């Protein structure tokens, strides 16, 4: 067989090839060969029933939730046995289970290139929840974590590192979640060091990590707030001022570049959400605004949809039994009436719906952590600059007590820092440990305090402009006296005011 014949599809015999060679010009013959190859390729793709034109990824939970009393942890309640992650085409006509072979799964997240899905799942009824990954259209997910106590709430940093929360909160216990990052082939590294329980991380467009911080007060109430850190765990900051109110907030998401939307729940650690609130990025400390959805009984999720739109899961009708089932809707940011559902299933709750689309990655950020160090520095420009009541702010702080919490619930005083005449103070403190600060007057009376909920990373230089200062204020343009004085150095081994560096 000649060279041209070897390159043609096998469905043509030798005699046919010779006839083509004699009667058809070379250029036409070349086009025919390309056509045969294209037809063969198309036929192979059409034979694969698993290939979908992707449109959405979402979670389905059985309408019959089983026995809630058998739940060991919070995710068992949120994703009861049989819960699964589904891939659907843009019209919800073809569905494919992405979490096949797993006992239960939920909380899907789609990568920026729109090609992979992360989710949390448990392999068997007795397994711990871990993070899994699958390619869109693939049939076998693979585990990414093996965390003792389980892992939940997956997200991705711009450099590809995985974010997740561990451990998974047990039913009836106060959550104690910590945020971890993990690169390919690396061991997990903690990014948060605080007495506040961390959950529901998401990466903002500017590269910061936004998460929900939850803690129980001495009065037994729950305080929830939104906080940000950099991708190396530095610069822990309030994104919005926490509110003392019953219930929790979950799944914050940045939409249209200007708003952070999240679910609100009336129960303390419940799984069902009763509504949606949002915070404007330009005014994060202003009161949250309600996104009212007409005739909505409960909400399962809210995510970015088409331009100026959202994809939500909501329950408005009656499903199996007396509990309305969650269905998928598309709504406008300004017109929140629910129209006809995009998708509903009488046997399943359908929620955590994400529209699949490739989108730009968040901004990257350089790390300032110096792993050769075990301490960082804190600087306050004016401890007497505060938003506390007038009669409290009349007393001036002259000392600041530094408190560490080396173990949960066990605080330890490291020492006291003198406040300079301009109100500034500076100290070197242990890294990667919950720290609290207490402002004292010259009589030793406590004026203001911050619970052990902040920290510094190794080598981090952390600064604030006041003590419970008004939000969204810029610092004064002057050099604080504290940077000219000896800097007290505190450690767990030798807390002392005499150890200072110049």
Protein backbone atom coordinates (compact mmCIF):
# COMPACT_ATOMS: atom_id res chain seq x y z
CA UNK A 1 0.00 0.00 0.00
CA UNK A 2 1.38 3.42 -0.89
CA UNK A 3 1.88 6.23 1.62
CA UNK A 4 -1.40 7.97 0.76
CA UNK A 5 -3.30 4.73 1.32
CA UNK A 6 -1.76 4.20 4.78
CA UNK A 7 -3.10 7.56 5.91
CA UNK A 8 -6.72 6.87 4.89
CA UNK A 9 -9.32 5.31 7.18
CA UNK A 10 -9.35 1.48 7.22
CA UNK A 11 -12.95 1.37 6.06
CA UNK A 12 -11.67 1.95 2.48
CA UNK A 13 -10.11 -1.05 0.71
CA UNK A 14 -7.02 -0.98 -1.48
CA UNK A 15 -8.95 -1.00 -4.77
CA UNK A 16 -11.02 2.00 -3.72
CA UNK A 17 -7.86 3.86 -2.81
CA UNK A 18 -6.34 3.22 -6.23
CA UNK A 19 -9.49 4.50 -7.95
CA UNK A 20 -9.38 7.65 -5.85
CA UNK A 21 -5.73 8.19 -6.68
CA UNK A 22 -6.37 7.87 -10.46
CA UNK A 23 -9.58 9.93 -10.77
CA UNK A 24 -9.50 12.61 -8.05
CA UNK A 25 -7.00 15.48 -7.77
CA UNK A 26 -4.58 15.35 -4.83
CA UNK A 27 -6.08 18.42 -3.14
CA UNK A 28 -9.60 16.91 -3.20
CA UNK A 29 -8.27 13.59 -1.94
CA UNK A 30 -6.65 15.36 1.00
CA UNK A 31 -9.96 17.00 1.90
CA UNK A 32 -11.72 13.64 1.77
CA UNK A 33 -9.21 12.15 4.18
CA UNK A 34 -9.82 15.01 6.64
CA UNK A 35 -13.58 14.48 6.31
CA UNK A 36 -13.35 10.76 7.09
CA UNK A 37 -11.21 11.43 10.18
CA UNK A 38 -13.65 14.08 11.43
CA UNK A 39 -16.61 11.73 11.03
CA UNK A 40 -14.83 9.03 13.02
CA UNK A 41 -14.01 11.48 15.84
CA UNK A 42 -17.59 12.76 16.04
CA UNK A 43 -18.94 9.22 16.19
CA UNK A 44 -16.65 8.40 19.12
CA UNK A 45 -17.82 11.46 21.09
CA UNK A 46 -21.48 10.72 20.40
CA UNK A 47 -21.07 7.19 21.79
CA UNK A 48 -20.07 8.55 25.21
CA UNK A 49 -23.27 8.97 27.22
CA UNK A 50 -21.38 10.61 30.10
CA UNK A 51 -20.47 13.75 28.17
CA UNK A 52 -22.80 16.64 28.95
CA UNK A 53 -22.85 20.23 27.87
CA UNK A 54 -22.40 21.51 31.44
CA UNK A 55 -24.69 24.12 32.84
CA UNK A 56 -25.03 23.62 36.62
CA UNK A 57 -23.65 21.69 39.54
CA UNK A 58 -25.84 21.25 42.61
CA UNK A 59 -26.59 19.11 45.65
CA UNK A 60 -29.59 16.83 46.03
CA UNK A 61 -30.81 15.55 49.38
CA UNK A 62 -33.58 12.93 49.73
CA UNK A 63 -36.99 14.34 50.59
CA UNK A 64 -37.17 11.68 53.30
CA UNK A 65 -34.38 12.76 55.65
CA UNK A 66 -34.22 9.52 57.64
CA UNK A 67 -33.56 9.65 61.38
CA UNK A 68 -31.99 12.99 62.42
CA UNK A 69 -31.20 11.51 65.84
CA UNK A 70 -28.63 9.24 64.16
CA UNK A 71 -26.62 12.24 62.94
CA UNK A 72 -23.13 12.45 64.46
CA UNK A 73 -22.13 15.86 63.14
CA UNK A 74 -23.57 18.95 61.51
CA UNK A 75 -22.94 17.72 57.98
CA UNK A 76 -24.91 14.53 58.68
CA UNK A 77 -27.91 16.79 59.30
CA UNK A 78 -27.24 18.98 56.27
CA UNK A 79 -26.48 16.07 53.91
CA UNK A 80 -28.31 12.95 55.16
CA UNK A 81 -27.62 9.49 53.75
CA UNK A 82 -27.95 9.40 49.97
CA UNK A 83 -27.25 13.10 49.39
CA UNK A 84 -25.34 13.56 46.16
CA UNK A 85 -23.64 16.08 43.87
CA UNK A 86 -25.23 16.40 40.42
CA UNK A 87 -23.99 17.76 37.08
CA UNK A 88 -26.74 19.05 34.79
CA UNK A 89 -26.81 20.54 31.33
CA UNK A 90 -27.97 24.13 30.88
CA UNK A 91 -31.63 23.07 30.59
CA UNK A 92 -31.59 20.45 33.38
CA UNK A 93 -32.62 17.76 30.87
CA UNK A 94 -29.61 15.49 31.39
CA UNK A 95 -28.25 14.77 34.86
CA UNK A 96 -25.14 12.93 35.99
CA UNK A 97 -24.13 11.97 39.52
CA UNK A 98 -20.60 13.23 40.26
CA UNK A 99 -20.36 11.66 43.72
CA UNK A 100 -21.16 8.10 42.66
CA UNK A 101 -20.02 5.39 45.09
CA UNK A 102 -19.98 7.71 48.11
CA UNK A 103 -22.34 7.41 51.06
CA UNK A 104 -23.25 11.11 51.10
CA UNK A 105 -21.96 14.32 49.51
CA UNK A 106 -22.62 18.05 49.23
CA UNK A 107 -21.23 21.60 49.15
CA UNK A 108 -19.87 21.60 45.54
CA UNK A 109 -17.50 24.31 44.33
CA UNK A 110 -16.45 24.80 40.69
CA UNK A 111 -12.91 25.83 39.75
CA UNK A 112 -12.30 29.09 37.88
CA UNK A 113 -11.64 27.26 34.60
CA UNK A 114 -15.02 25.53 34.88
CA UNK A 115 -13.47 22.06 34.50
CA UNK A 116 -13.32 20.60 38.02
CA UNK A 117 -15.67 20.27 40.96
CA UNK A 118 -14.69 20.10 44.64
CA UNK A 119 -17.12 18.85 47.29
CA UNK A 120 -17.22 17.29 50.73
CA UNK A 121 -18.34 13.69 51.16
CA UNK A 122 -18.12 10.61 53.33
CA UNK A 123 -17.29 7.25 51.79
CA UNK A 124 -19.30 5.13 54.24
CA UNK A 125 -21.76 5.72 57.06
CA UNK A 126 -18.94 5.51 59.61
CA UNK A 127 -16.38 7.54 57.64
CA UNK A 128 -15.40 11.11 58.39
CA UNK A 129 -16.27 13.87 55.96
CA UNK A 130 -13.40 14.72 53.60
CA UNK A 131 -12.86 16.88 50.51
CA UNK A 132 -13.11 15.19 47.09
CA UNK A 133 -12.40 16.33 43.54
CA UNK A 134 -13.68 15.21 40.15
CA UNK A 135 -13.37 16.33 36.57
CA UNK A 136 -16.65 17.40 34.97
CA UNK A 137 -18.12 14.32 33.36
CA UNK A 138 -15.78 11.90 35.17
CA UNK A 139 -17.25 8.96 37.04
CA UNK A 140 -14.80 8.45 39.89
CA UNK A 141 -14.05 11.24 42.42
CA UNK A 142 -10.76 11.18 44.31
CA UNK A 143 -10.15 12.28 47.92
CA UNK A 144 -7.97 15.32 48.54
CA UNK A 145 -7.87 15.33 52.38
CA UNK A 146 -7.48 12.80 55.19
CA UNK A 147 -8.05 15.14 58.13
CA UNK A 148 -8.71 13.68 61.60
CA UNK A 149 -12.09 15.05 62.63
CA UNK A 150 -13.11 15.52 59.00
CA UNK A 151 -13.00 18.41 56.52
CA UNK A 152 -15.67 20.64 54.98
CA UNK A 153 -16.34 23.88 53.05
CA UNK A 154 -13.87 23.54 50.13
CA UNK A 155 -12.60 26.58 48.22
CA UNK A 156 -9.59 27.35 46.00
CA UNK A 157 -6.93 30.04 46.19
CA UNK A 158 -5.69 31.69 42.96
CA UNK A 159 -2.46 29.64 43.10
CA UNK A 160 -4.44 26.38 43.18
CA UNK A 161 -4.11 25.64 46.88
CA UNK A 162 -7.13 24.05 48.53
CA UNK A 163 -8.93 25.79 51.40
CA UNK A 164 -11.09 23.85 53.83
CA UNK A 165 -12.39 23.82 57.40
CA UNK A 166 -11.53 21.17 60.00
CA UNK A 167 -12.78 19.61 62.22
CA UNK A 168 -16.43 19.13 61.27
CA UNK A 169 -18.70 20.34 64.07
CA UNK A 170 -20.39 17.60 66.10
CA UNK A 171 -24.10 17.82 66.84
CA UNK A 172 -24.75 19.53 70.16
CA UNK A 173 -21.17 20.86 70.46
CA UNK A 174 -19.90 24.38 69.93
CA UNK A 175 -18.10 24.50 66.54
CA UNK A 176 -14.32 24.88 66.69
CA UNK A 177 -13.47 25.05 62.99
CA UNK A 178 -10.01 26.09 61.79
CA UNK A 179 -9.19 27.20 58.23
CA UNK A 180 -6.46 25.19 56.47
CA UNK A 181 -4.69 25.47 53.13
CA UNK A 182 -3.13 22.56 51.28
CA UNK A 183 -1.08 22.53 48.10
CA UNK A 184 -0.62 19.49 45.83
CA UNK A 185 1.55 16.96 47.68
CA UNK A 186 1.78 19.19 50.78
CA UNK A 187 0.64 18.74 54.36
CA UNK A 188 -2.27 20.95 55.49
CA UNK A 189 -1.27 24.27 57.08
CA UNK A 190 -3.47 26.20 59.49
CA UNK A 191 -4.30 29.78 58.48
CA UNK A 192 -6.46 30.82 61.47
CA UNK A 193 -5.51 30.88 65.15
CA UNK A 194 -8.42 32.17 67.16
CA UNK A 195 -11.03 31.33 69.77
CA UNK A 196 -13.67 32.11 67.13
CA UNK A 197 -14.96 29.12 65.15
CA UNK A 198 -14.27 29.56 61.43
CA UNK A 199 -16.54 28.32 58.63
CA UNK A 200 -17.71 28.93 55.05
CA UNK A 201 -14.58 30.43 53.43
CA UNK A 202 -14.73 32.11 50.04
CA UNK A 203 -12.11 34.03 48.06
CA UNK A 204 -12.95 37.64 47.16
CA UNK A 205 -12.02 39.26 43.86
CA UNK A 206 -9.14 41.14 45.53
CA UNK A 207 -7.61 37.84 46.76
CA UNK A 208 -8.57 38.06 50.43
CA UNK A 209 -10.23 35.10 52.13
CA UNK A 210 -13.63 35.93 53.59
CA UNK A 211 -15.08 33.61 56.25
CA UNK A 212 -17.77 33.42 58.91
CA UNK A 213 -16.61 33.69 62.52
CA UNK A 214 -18.94 32.28 65.20
CA UNK A 215 -18.57 32.34 68.95
CA UNK A 216 -20.78 31.91 71.98
CA UNK A 217 -20.84 34.75 74.50
CA UNK A 218 -20.85 34.37 78.27
CA UNK A 219 -24.62 34.89 78.15
CA UNK A 220 -25.05 31.88 75.89
CA UNK A 221 -25.96 33.86 72.78
CA UNK A 222 -24.22 33.38 69.46
CA UNK A 223 -22.30 36.16 67.75
CA UNK A 224 -21.64 35.88 64.01
CA UNK A 225 -19.52 38.13 61.85
CA UNK A 226 -17.60 38.23 58.60
CA UNK A 227 -13.79 38.39 58.74
CA UNK A 228 -10.99 38.53 56.18
CA UNK A 229 -7.40 37.35 56.09
CA UNK A 230 -4.74 37.28 53.42
CA UNK A 231 -3.93 33.97 51.73
CA UNK A 232 -1.09 33.37 54.22
CA UNK A 233 -3.24 33.99 57.30
CA UNK A 234 -1.98 37.53 57.97
CA UNK A 235 -4.01 40.67 58.74
CA UNK A 236 -7.06 39.19 60.45
CA UNK A 237 -9.71 41.93 60.17
CA UNK A 238 -13.43 42.39 60.67
CA UNK A 239 -15.17 42.73 57.33
CA UNK A 240 -18.44 43.63 59.04
CA UNK A 241 -19.17 44.26 62.70
CA UNK A 242 -20.53 41.12 64.45
CA UNK A 243 -24.08 41.28 65.70
CA UNK A 244 -25.44 39.84 68.95
CA UNK A 245 -28.52 38.09 67.71
CA UNK A 246 -29.85 34.52 67.73
CA UNK A 247 -29.01 32.42 64.71
CA UNK A 248 -26.12 32.15 62.29
CA UNK A 249 -25.00 33.23 58.84
CA UNK A 250 -23.68 30.87 56.16
CA UNK A 251 -22.24 30.70 52.63
CA UNK A 252 -21.16 34.32 51.98
CA UNK A 253 -20.63 34.97 48.28
CA UNK A 254 -19.44 38.03 46.37
CA UNK A 255 -21.78 38.93 43.50
CA UNK A 256 -21.53 41.63 40.83
CA UNK A 257 -18.36 42.93 42.50
CA UNK A 258 -20.30 45.19 44.87
CA UNK A 259 -22.21 43.00 47.31
CA UNK A 260 -21.64 40.09 49.68
CA UNK A 261 -24.73 37.89 49.98
CA UNK A 262 -25.19 35.23 52.67
CA UNK A 263 -27.86 33.00 54.17
CA UNK A 264 -29.36 33.76 57.57
CA UNK A 265 -30.81 31.16 59.93
CA UNK A 266 -32.86 31.68 63.07
CA UNK A 267 -31.58 28.52 64.74
CA UNK A 268 -28.21 28.65 66.43
CA UNK A 269 -26.47 25.90 64.49
CA UNK A 270 -29.28 24.90 62.15
CA UNK A 271 -29.03 23.73 58.56
CA UNK A 272 -32.06 25.46 57.07
CA UNK A 273 -31.84 29.15 56.16
CA UNK A 274 -34.78 31.49 56.52
CA UNK A 275 -33.63 34.27 54.23
CA UNK A 276 -30.87 36.16 52.42
CA UNK A 277 -29.06 39.32 53.51
CA UNK A 278 -26.33 41.31 51.83
CA UNK A 279 -23.62 43.81 52.69
CA UNK A 280 -22.37 46.43 50.28
CA UNK A 281 -18.61 46.17 49.79
CA UNK A 282 -18.30 49.96 49.84
CA UNK A 283 -20.03 50.13 53.27
CA UNK A 284 -19.28 46.83 55.03
CA UNK A 285 -20.03 48.16 58.52
CA UNK A 286 -23.45 49.50 57.61
CA UNK A 287 -26.49 47.51 58.69
CA UNK A 288 -27.15 44.44 56.52
CA UNK A 289 -29.92 44.70 53.96
CA UNK A 290 -32.54 42.04 53.38
CA UNK A 291 -33.05 40.42 49.97
CA UNK A 292 -36.76 39.70 50.16
CA UNK A 293 -38.06 36.85 48.04
CA UNK A 294 -41.83 36.73 47.64
CA UNK A 295 -43.60 33.59 48.91
CA UNK A 296 -40.35 31.96 49.99
CA UNK A 297 -40.59 29.45 52.85
CA UNK A 298 -36.86 28.65 53.16
CA UNK A 299 -33.65 29.11 51.19
CA UNK A 300 -31.00 26.53 50.33
CA UNK A 301 -28.37 28.64 48.57
CA UNK A 302 -27.67 31.81 46.62
CA UNK A 303 -24.94 32.09 43.97
CA UNK A 304 -23.90 34.33 41.11
CA UNK A 305 -25.90 33.66 37.95
CA UNK A 306 -26.05 35.49 34.64
CA UNK A 307 -25.16 39.18 34.44
CA UNK A 308 -27.14 41.09 37.10
CA UNK A 309 -28.79 37.84 38.18
CA UNK A 310 -28.66 35.14 40.84
CA UNK A 311 -29.29 31.43 40.99
CA UNK A 312 -31.13 30.48 44.18
CA UNK A 313 -32.68 27.38 45.62
CA UNK A 314 -35.88 28.08 47.49
CA UNK A 315 -38.96 26.28 48.76
CA UNK A 316 -42.33 27.78 47.92
CA UNK A 317 -44.67 24.84 47.37
CA UNK A 318 -45.56 21.60 49.08
CA UNK A 319 -43.34 18.61 48.47
CA UNK A 320 -43.34 15.10 49.91
CA UNK A 321 -45.10 15.20 53.28
CA UNK A 322 -45.66 18.63 54.75
CA UNK A 323 -42.17 20.03 54.17
CA UNK A 324 -41.80 22.16 51.01
CA UNK A 325 -38.96 21.00 48.80
CA UNK A 326 -36.14 23.19 47.51
CA UNK A 327 -36.19 23.93 43.77
CA UNK A 328 -33.90 25.94 41.49
CA UNK A 329 -34.81 29.48 40.39
CA UNK A 330 -33.14 32.34 38.53
CA UNK A 331 -33.86 35.80 39.92
CA UNK A 332 -32.72 39.34 39.25
CA UNK A 333 -30.81 41.28 41.88
CA UNK A 334 -33.43 44.01 41.83
CA UNK A 335 -36.57 41.97 41.10
CA UNK A 336 -36.76 39.09 43.53
CA UNK A 337 -40.09 37.51 42.55
CA UNK A 338 -39.77 33.80 41.88
CA UNK A 339 -40.89 32.82 38.40
CA UNK A 340 -41.24 29.28 37.12
CA UNK A 341 -38.61 26.97 38.58
CA UNK A 342 -35.67 26.04 36.36
CA UNK A 343 -35.62 22.61 37.98
CA UNK A 344 -37.57 20.72 40.63
CA UNK A 345 -37.69 17.08 41.69
CA UNK A 346 -40.55 15.70 43.81
CA UNK A 347 -38.23 13.22 45.54
CA UNK A 348 -35.28 15.50 46.29
CA UNK A 349 -34.30 18.85 47.78
CA UNK A 350 -32.16 20.60 45.13
CA UNK A 351 -29.84 23.26 46.53
CA UNK A 352 -26.28 24.70 46.54
CA UNK A 353 -26.74 25.38 42.82
CA UNK A 354 -23.73 26.77 40.95
CA UNK A 355 -23.79 27.91 37.34
CA UNK A 356 -20.74 26.53 35.54
CA UNK A 357 -18.74 29.11 33.66
CA UNK A 358 -15.10 29.96 33.27
CA UNK A 359 -14.33 33.25 34.99
CA UNK A 360 -11.30 35.29 35.93
CA UNK A 361 -9.30 34.23 38.96
CA UNK A 362 -9.12 36.43 42.05
CA UNK A 363 -6.01 38.55 42.47
CA UNK A 364 -2.91 36.83 43.81
CA UNK A 365 -1.11 38.04 46.92
CA UNK A 366 2.49 37.70 48.05
CA UNK A 367 3.14 36.14 51.43
CA UNK A 368 4.90 38.11 54.17
CA UNK A 369 5.30 35.16 56.55
CA UNK A 370 8.87 34.47 57.71
CA UNK A 371 8.98 30.84 58.84
CA UNK A 372 12.37 31.36 60.53
CA UNK A 373 10.69 33.47 63.21
CA UNK A 374 8.38 32.48 66.05
CA UNK A 375 6.98 35.92 66.86
CA UNK A 376 5.34 38.92 65.24
CA UNK A 377 4.76 42.54 66.27
CA UNK A 378 1.60 44.47 67.08
CA UNK A 379 1.36 48.26 66.94
CA UNK A 380 -1.57 50.43 68.04
CA UNK A 381 -1.45 54.09 67.03
CA UNK A 382 -3.77 55.34 69.78
CA UNK A 383 -5.41 52.99 72.26
CA UNK A 384 -7.61 55.86 73.49
CA UNK A 385 -9.15 56.36 70.04
CA UNK A 386 -12.36 54.42 70.55
CA UNK A 387 -16.03 54.28 69.66
CA UNK A 388 -17.04 53.27 73.19
CA UNK A 389 -19.47 55.37 75.21
CA UNK A 390 -18.30 58.86 76.21
CA UNK A 391 -18.02 58.20 79.95
CA UNK A 392 -15.84 55.17 79.28
CA UNK A 393 -13.64 56.98 76.81
CA UNK A 394 -13.04 59.83 79.27
CA UNK A 395 -10.67 57.55 81.21
CA UNK A 396 -7.38 57.20 79.41
CA UNK A 397 -5.60 53.87 79.13
CA UNK A 398 -2.05 53.90 80.47
CA UNK A 399 -1.27 50.19 80.13
CA UNK A 400 -2.30 47.32 77.88
CA UNK A 401 -2.38 43.76 79.15
CA UNK A 402 -1.52 41.09 76.59
CA UNK A 403 -3.38 37.79 77.00
CA UNK A 404 -2.71 34.53 75.13
CA UNK A 405 -4.86 31.41 74.84
CA UNK A 406 -2.42 28.52 74.26
CA UNK A 407 -5.25 25.99 74.68
CA UNK A 408 -9.01 26.40 74.15
CA UNK A 409 -10.56 28.02 77.20
CA UNK A 410 -7.22 28.46 78.98
CA UNK A 411 -6.01 32.06 78.94
CA UNK A 412 -2.66 33.28 80.20
CA UNK A 413 -1.45 36.81 80.87
CA UNK A 414 1.84 37.44 79.09
CA UNK A 415 2.47 40.87 80.60
CA UNK A 416 1.64 44.55 80.29
CA UNK A 417 2.81 47.19 77.82
CA UNK A 418 3.13 50.86 78.83
CA UNK A 419 1.09 53.25 76.68
CA UNK A 420 2.99 56.27 75.35
CA UNK A 421 1.70 59.82 75.82
CA UNK A 422 0.22 59.82 72.30
CA UNK A 423 -1.72 56.63 73.10
CA UNK A 424 0.49 54.29 71.09
CA UNK A 425 1.98 50.99 72.19
CA UNK A 426 3.99 48.23 70.54
CA UNK A 427 4.91 44.67 71.54
CA UNK A 428 6.51 41.53 70.17
CA UNK A 429 4.21 38.57 70.77
CA UNK A 430 4.10 34.81 70.06
CA UNK A 431 3.00 33.91 66.53
CA UNK A 432 0.16 31.59 65.54
CA UNK A 433 -1.67 31.86 68.84
CA UNK A 434 -4.96 33.47 69.91
CA UNK A 435 -4.23 36.84 71.52
CA UNK A 436 -6.37 39.25 73.51
CA UNK A 437 -5.76 42.82 74.65
CA UNK A 438 -7.07 44.65 77.71
CA UNK A 439 -6.79 48.43 78.10
CA UNK A 440 -6.23 49.52 81.73
CA UNK A 441 -6.25 52.95 83.35
CA UNK A 442 -3.69 54.13 85.88
CA UNK A 443 -5.74 52.51 88.69
CA UNK A 444 -5.71 49.13 86.93
CA UNK A 445 -9.39 49.28 86.01
CA UNK A 446 -10.42 47.50 82.82
CA UNK A 447 -11.61 50.01 80.21
CA UNK A 448 -11.87 47.94 77.05
CA UNK A 449 -10.90 44.46 75.93
CA UNK A 450 -10.54 42.28 72.87
CA UNK A 451 -11.10 38.58 73.50
CA UNK A 452 -8.35 36.16 72.34
CA UNK A 453 -9.49 36.20 68.73
CA UNK A 454 -6.65 37.94 66.88
CA UNK A 455 -3.21 36.60 66.02
CA UNK A 456 0.00 37.36 64.15
CA UNK A 457 1.87 35.07 61.78
CA UNK A 458 5.65 34.55 62.05
CA UNK A 459 7.37 37.81 61.13
CA UNK A 460 4.11 39.72 60.67
CA UNK A 461 3.95 43.39 61.62
CA UNK A 462 0.34 44.08 62.54
CA UNK A 463 -1.07 47.57 63.19
CA UNK A 464 -4.39 49.11 64.18
CA UNK A 465 -5.41 52.75 64.61
CA UNK A 466 -7.29 52.43 67.92
CA UNK A 467 -9.11 50.24 70.43
CA UNK A 468 -12.62 49.44 69.13
CA UNK A 469 -12.16 52.48 66.91
CA UNK A 470 -14.89 53.71 64.55
CA UNK A 471 -14.89 51.67 61.33
CA UNK A 472 -13.71 52.90 57.94
CA UNK A 473 -11.42 55.57 59.39
CA UNK A 474 -7.93 56.34 58.14
CA UNK A 475 -5.01 56.71 60.57
CA UNK A 476 -3.45 60.05 61.41
CA UNK A 477 -0.31 60.93 59.50
CA UNK A 478 2.29 60.94 62.25
CA UNK A 479 5.03 58.72 63.62
CA UNK A 480 3.87 57.09 66.88
CA UNK A 481 6.10 57.37 69.93
CA UNK A 482 5.92 53.60 70.50
CA UNK A 483 8.25 52.90 67.55
CA UNK A 484 10.97 54.99 69.26
CA UNK A 485 10.73 53.21 72.61
CA UNK A 486 12.08 49.76 73.57
CA UNK A 487 9.69 47.05 72.34
CA UNK A 488 8.61 44.56 75.06
CA UNK A 489 8.98 40.94 73.98
CA UNK A 490 6.50 38.38 75.33
CA UNK A 491 6.75 34.60 75.12
CA UNK A 492 4.92 31.77 76.82
CA UNK A 493 8.11 30.68 78.56
CA UNK A 494 9.34 33.98 79.94
CA UNK A 495 6.66 36.68 79.97
CA UNK A 496 8.42 39.82 81.06
CA UNK A 497 8.42 43.56 80.53
CA UNK A 498 12.17 43.72 80.93
CA UNK A 499 12.97 41.80 77.75
CA UNK A 500 13.07 44.53 75.17
CA UNK A 501 14.83 45.27 71.94
CA UNK A 502 15.83 48.63 70.61
